[in-house]
Amino acid sequence: MSSAHPETDHDRIREWAESHGGRPAKVETEGEGGILRLDFQEPDEDLIEIDWTEFFEIFEDRKLALLLPEGRDSRFNKFVSRD
């Protein structure tokens, strides 16, 4: 069974996402920010593509970490609280 590790380093997150064909995105919600996502392959019409600057502003504001897989082939990822 594969394991995942929490990542907070912006460069590592961006590098991992882009190496897997991911783009920064969010789900629009009431209030500020939105729910962060990484969009892979064909754009998901329910997601709004954003730039990395906005992505990491929301990421830091919400004090998030991104769980990433130990294996190189998996696109598994999950946003979690740093606490």
Protein backbone atom coordinates (compact mmCIF):
# COMPACT_ATOMS: atom_id res chain seq x y z
CA MET A 1 0.00 0.00 0.00
CA SER A 2 1.34 3.43 -0.93
CA SER A 3 1.69 6.19 1.58
CA ALA A 4 1.36 9.95 1.31
CA HIS A 5 3.21 12.80 2.95
CA PRO A 6 2.11 16.37 3.70
CA GLU A 7 3.86 19.02 1.61
CA THR A 8 3.87 22.79 2.18
CA ASP A 9 6.79 23.86 -0.02
CA HIS A 10 5.35 25.90 -2.90
CA ASP A 11 8.05 24.94 -5.39
CA ARG A 12 7.68 21.23 -4.68
CA ILE A 13 3.88 21.39 -4.94
CA ARG A 14 4.02 23.28 -8.24
CA GLU A 15 6.68 20.95 -9.63
CA TRP A 16 4.69 17.85 -8.64
CA ALA A 17 1.43 19.22 -10.07
CA GLU A 18 2.96 20.32 -13.38
CA SER A 19 4.86 17.05 -13.79
CA HIS A 20 1.48 15.27 -13.57
CA GLY A 21 -0.31 17.68 -15.92
CA GLY A 22 -2.03 19.57 -13.10
CA ARG A 23 -3.12 23.20 -13.08
CA PRO A 24 -4.15 25.34 -10.11
CA ALA A 25 -7.90 25.77 -9.82
CA LYS A 26 -10.68 26.45 -7.36
CA VAL A 27 -14.36 25.83 -6.82
CA GLU A 28 -16.19 29.13 -6.41
CA THR A 29 -17.91 29.49 -3.05
CA GLU A 30 -19.64 32.17 -1.04
CA GLY A 31 -17.11 34.51 0.56
CA GLU A 32 -13.43 34.85 -0.20
CA GLY A 33 -11.12 32.35 -1.80
CA GLY A 34 -12.92 29.22 -2.81
CA ILE A 35 -12.03 25.57 -2.44
CA LEU A 36 -8.62 24.75 -3.87
CA ARG A 37 -8.19 21.95 -6.39
CA LEU A 38 -5.62 20.72 -8.87
CA ASP A 39 -7.16 20.18 -12.30
CA PHE A 40 -5.66 17.39 -14.43
CA GLN A 41 -5.90 16.75 -18.18
CA GLU A 42 -9.01 18.22 -19.79
CA PRO A 43 -10.24 21.29 -17.89
CA ASP A 44 -13.12 20.49 -15.51
CA GLU A 45 -15.99 22.88 -16.28
CA ASP A 46 -16.90 23.04 -12.56
CA LEU A 47 -13.47 24.47 -11.73
CA ILE A 48 -12.10 27.96 -12.26
CA GLU A 49 -8.48 27.96 -13.39
CA ILE A 50 -6.35 30.39 -11.33
CA ASP A 51 -2.68 31.32 -11.38
CA TRP A 52 -0.14 29.93 -8.94
CA THR A 53 0.07 33.24 -7.05
CA GLU A 54 -3.65 33.17 -6.16
CA PHE A 55 -3.46 29.44 -5.46
CA PHE A 56 -0.68 29.86 -2.90
CA GLU A 57 -2.29 32.95 -1.34
CA ILE A 58 -5.38 30.85 -0.56
CA PHE A 59 -3.16 27.90 0.45
CA GLU A 60 -1.29 30.02 3.02
CA ASP A 61 -4.35 31.94 4.21
CA ARG A 62 -6.06 28.64 5.04
CA LYS A 63 -2.85 27.12 6.50
CA LEU A 64 -3.10 24.07 4.26
CA ALA A 65 -0.74 21.24 3.40
CA LEU A 66 -1.08 19.00 0.36
CA LEU A 67 -0.89 15.25 0.85
CA LEU A 68 1.15 13.80 -1.99
CA PRO A 69 1.84 10.16 -2.82
CA GLU A 70 5.21 8.56 -2.30
CA GLY A 71 4.95 6.84 -5.69
CA ARG A 72 5.72 8.81 -8.85
CA ASP A 73 2.83 7.58 -11.02
CA SER A 74 -0.11 8.41 -8.78
CA ARG A 75 -1.98 11.71 -9.04
CA PHE A 76 -3.51 11.23 -5.61
CA ASN A 77 -3.57 14.50 -3.67
CA LYS A 78 -5.61 15.92 -0.84
CA PHE A 79 -5.64 19.29 0.88
CA VAL A 80 -5.43 19.02 4.68
CA SER A 81 -4.96 21.36 7.60
CA ARG A 82 -1.40 21.86 8.81
CA ASP A 83 -2.64 21.52 12.39
